[in-house]
Each structure stands twice: as C-alpha cells, then as structure tokens.
Amino acid sequence: MGKVRTTVAKGIARKLAAIAQLKGEAITDFEEAKKLVAELTTIKAKHLRNKVAGYLIRLAKASRPKSVEGGGQQGS
C-alpha cells in the first residue's frame, strides 16, 4: 500500500471545492464531504477519499466569513 501524497489530495479537493461552489452546495460536515467526493470522482482508495474530504472541510471552514464576537467597543 502506497503513501497518499498531500499535494494530490489537496489538488483534487481544491477542484472539488470550486465545483461545489459553482453548484451552490455548502459543505458543512465530513460525511457530506465524503458523499460529494464519491459522487464527483472515481477514487477507489478509501484513504485518499477521506484525505480529500477532510481537506474539503478545511477549505470550506476557511472560506466562511468569520463572525465578530462581543460586538462591543474595544478599549473601554
């Protein structure tokens, strides 16, 4: 069994994230990401599918707008 190259998984995940964004699909959890990977690719290796799905979640979280907590004035 070979090692999964990080660059391969990240490249696939970036392409899938772009496709999901064009479709208007929001990826919120790992199970949903795994279904999306299975639906849009022909990856047979479970390890690679999970790596891609995990990185998809990471990309989705990074692209979400950060909420401002507290909302009060600073320094007072």
C-alpha atoms as a PDB file:
ATOM      1  CA  MET A   1       0.000   0.000   0.000  1.00  0.00           C
ATOM      2  CA  GLY A   2       1.467   3.353  -1.026  1.00  0.00           C
ATOM      3  CA  LYS A   3       1.504   6.675   0.730  1.00  0.00           C
ATOM      4  CA  VAL A   4      -1.073   9.287  -0.153  1.00  0.00           C
ATOM      5  CA  ARG A   5       0.676  12.387  -1.419  1.00  0.00           C
ATOM      6  CA  THR A   6      -0.619  15.536   0.222  1.00  0.00           C
ATOM      7  CA  THR A   7      -0.327  17.590  -2.952  1.00  0.00           C
ATOM      8  CA  VAL A   8      -2.532  15.138  -4.843  1.00  0.00           C
ATOM      9  CA  ALA A   9      -5.262  15.198  -2.183  1.00  0.00           C
ATOM     10  CA  LYS A  10      -5.141  18.996  -1.895  1.00  0.00           C
ATOM     11  CA  GLY A  11      -5.281  19.476  -5.656  1.00  0.00           C
ATOM     12  CA  ILE A  12      -8.320  17.241  -6.006  1.00  0.00           C
ATOM     13  CA  ALA A  13     -10.001  18.913  -3.025  1.00  0.00           C
ATOM     14  CA  ARG A  14      -9.447  22.401  -4.453  1.00  0.00           C
ATOM     15  CA  LYS A  15     -11.030  21.374  -7.757  1.00  0.00           C
ATOM     16  CA  LEU A  16     -13.993  19.765  -5.981  1.00  0.00           C
ATOM     17  CA  ALA A  17     -14.449  22.838  -3.778  1.00  0.00           C
ATOM     18  CA  ALA A  18     -14.630  25.022  -6.887  1.00  0.00           C
ATOM     19  CA  ILE A  19     -17.198  22.691  -8.469  1.00  0.00           C
ATOM     20  CA  ALA A  20     -19.276  22.606  -5.274  1.00  0.00           C
ATOM     21  CA  GLN A  21     -19.161  26.393  -5.072  1.00  0.00           C
ATOM     22  CA  LEU A  22     -20.352  26.699  -8.688  1.00  0.00           C
ATOM     23  CA  LYS A  23     -23.222  24.325  -7.934  1.00  0.00           C
ATOM     24  CA  GLY A  24     -24.097  26.349  -4.845  1.00  0.00           C
ATOM     25  CA  GLU A  25     -23.604  23.421  -2.487  1.00  0.00           C
ATOM     26  CA  ALA A  26     -22.480  24.187   1.056  1.00  0.00           C
ATOM     27  CA  ILE A  27     -20.184  21.618   2.638  1.00  0.00           C
ATOM     28  CA  THR A  28     -20.780  21.547   6.374  1.00  0.00           C
ATOM     29  CA  ASP A  29     -19.559  18.230   7.711  1.00  0.00           C
ATOM     30  CA  PHE A  30     -17.240  15.345   6.933  1.00  0.00           C
ATOM     31  CA  GLU A  31     -19.994  12.881   5.963  1.00  0.00           C
ATOM     32  CA  GLU A  32     -21.387  15.345   3.441  1.00  0.00           C
ATOM     33  CA  ALA A  33     -17.899  15.903   2.027  1.00  0.00           C
ATOM     34  CA  LYS A  34     -17.342  12.146   1.676  1.00  0.00           C
ATOM     35  CA  LYS A  35     -20.591  11.844  -0.297  1.00  0.00           C
ATOM     36  CA  LEU A  36     -19.547  14.716  -2.548  1.00  0.00           C
ATOM     37  CA  VAL A  37     -16.151  13.100  -3.206  1.00  0.00           C
ATOM     38  CA  ALA A  38     -17.782   9.755  -4.005  1.00  0.00           C
ATOM     39  CA  GLU A  39     -20.305  11.459  -6.270  1.00  0.00           C
ATOM     40  CA  LEU A  40     -17.879  13.572  -8.286  1.00  0.00           C
ATOM     41  CA  THR A  41     -14.806  11.311  -8.513  1.00  0.00           C
ATOM     42  CA  THR A  42     -13.842   7.745  -9.253  1.00  0.00           C
ATOM     43  CA  ILE A  43     -11.364   7.447  -6.377  1.00  0.00           C
ATOM     44  CA  LYS A  44     -11.329   3.848  -5.156  1.00  0.00           C
ATOM     45  CA  ALA A  45      -8.803   4.218  -2.342  1.00  0.00           C
ATOM     46  CA  LYS A  46     -10.618   4.854   0.938  1.00  0.00           C
ATOM     47  CA  HIS A  47      -7.605   6.598   2.460  1.00  0.00           C
ATOM     48  CA  LEU A  48      -7.375   9.092  -0.410  1.00  0.00           C
ATOM     49  CA  ARG A  49     -11.148   9.729  -0.396  1.00  0.00           C
ATOM     50  CA  ASN A  50     -11.006  10.544   3.315  1.00  0.00           C
ATOM     51  CA  LYS A  51      -7.974  12.819   2.868  1.00  0.00           C
ATOM     52  CA  VAL A  52      -9.763  14.736   0.109  1.00  0.00           C
ATOM     53  CA  ALA A  53     -12.971  15.011   2.147  1.00  0.00           C
ATOM     54  CA  GLY A  54     -11.052  16.249   5.185  1.00  0.00           C
ATOM     55  CA  TYR A  55      -9.277  18.905   3.181  1.00  0.00           C
ATOM     56  CA  LEU A  56     -12.596  19.940   1.611  1.00  0.00           C
ATOM     57  CA  ILE A  57     -13.922  20.629   5.111  1.00  0.00           C
ATOM     58  CA  ARG A  58     -10.822  22.633   5.927  1.00  0.00           C
ATOM     59  CA  LEU A  59     -11.255  24.725   2.766  1.00  0.00           C
ATOM     60  CA  ALA A  60     -14.955  25.247   3.483  1.00  0.00           C
ATOM     61  CA  LYS A  61     -14.232  26.466   7.021  1.00  0.00           C
ATOM     62  CA  ALA A  62     -11.506  28.818   5.770  1.00  0.00           C
ATOM     63  CA  SER A  63     -13.794  30.371   3.154  1.00  0.00           C
ATOM     64  CA  ARG A  64     -16.629  31.083   5.594  1.00  0.00           C
ATOM     65  CA  PRO A  65     -16.809  34.674   6.849  1.00  0.00           C
ATOM     66  CA  LYS A  66     -15.607  34.991  10.413  1.00  0.00           C
ATOM     67  CA  SER A  67     -18.187  36.299  12.853  1.00  0.00           C
ATOM     68  CA  VAL A  68     -17.258  39.117  15.178  1.00  0.00           C
ATOM     69  CA  GLU A  69     -17.767  38.108  18.775  1.00  0.00           C
ATOM     70  CA  GLY A  70     -18.574  40.562  21.536  1.00  0.00           C
ATOM     71  CA  GLY A  71     -19.690  43.344  19.245  1.00  0.00           C
ATOM     72  CA  GLY A  72     -18.805  45.935  21.919  1.00  0.00           C
ATOM     73  CA  GLN A  73     -16.324  48.738  21.877  1.00  0.00           C
ATOM     74  CA  GLN A  74     -12.699  47.941  22.370  1.00  0.00           C
ATOM     75  CA  GLY A  75     -10.587  49.660  24.966  1.00  0.00           C
ATOM     76  CA  SER A  76     -13.390  50.846  27.219  1.00  0.00           C
END
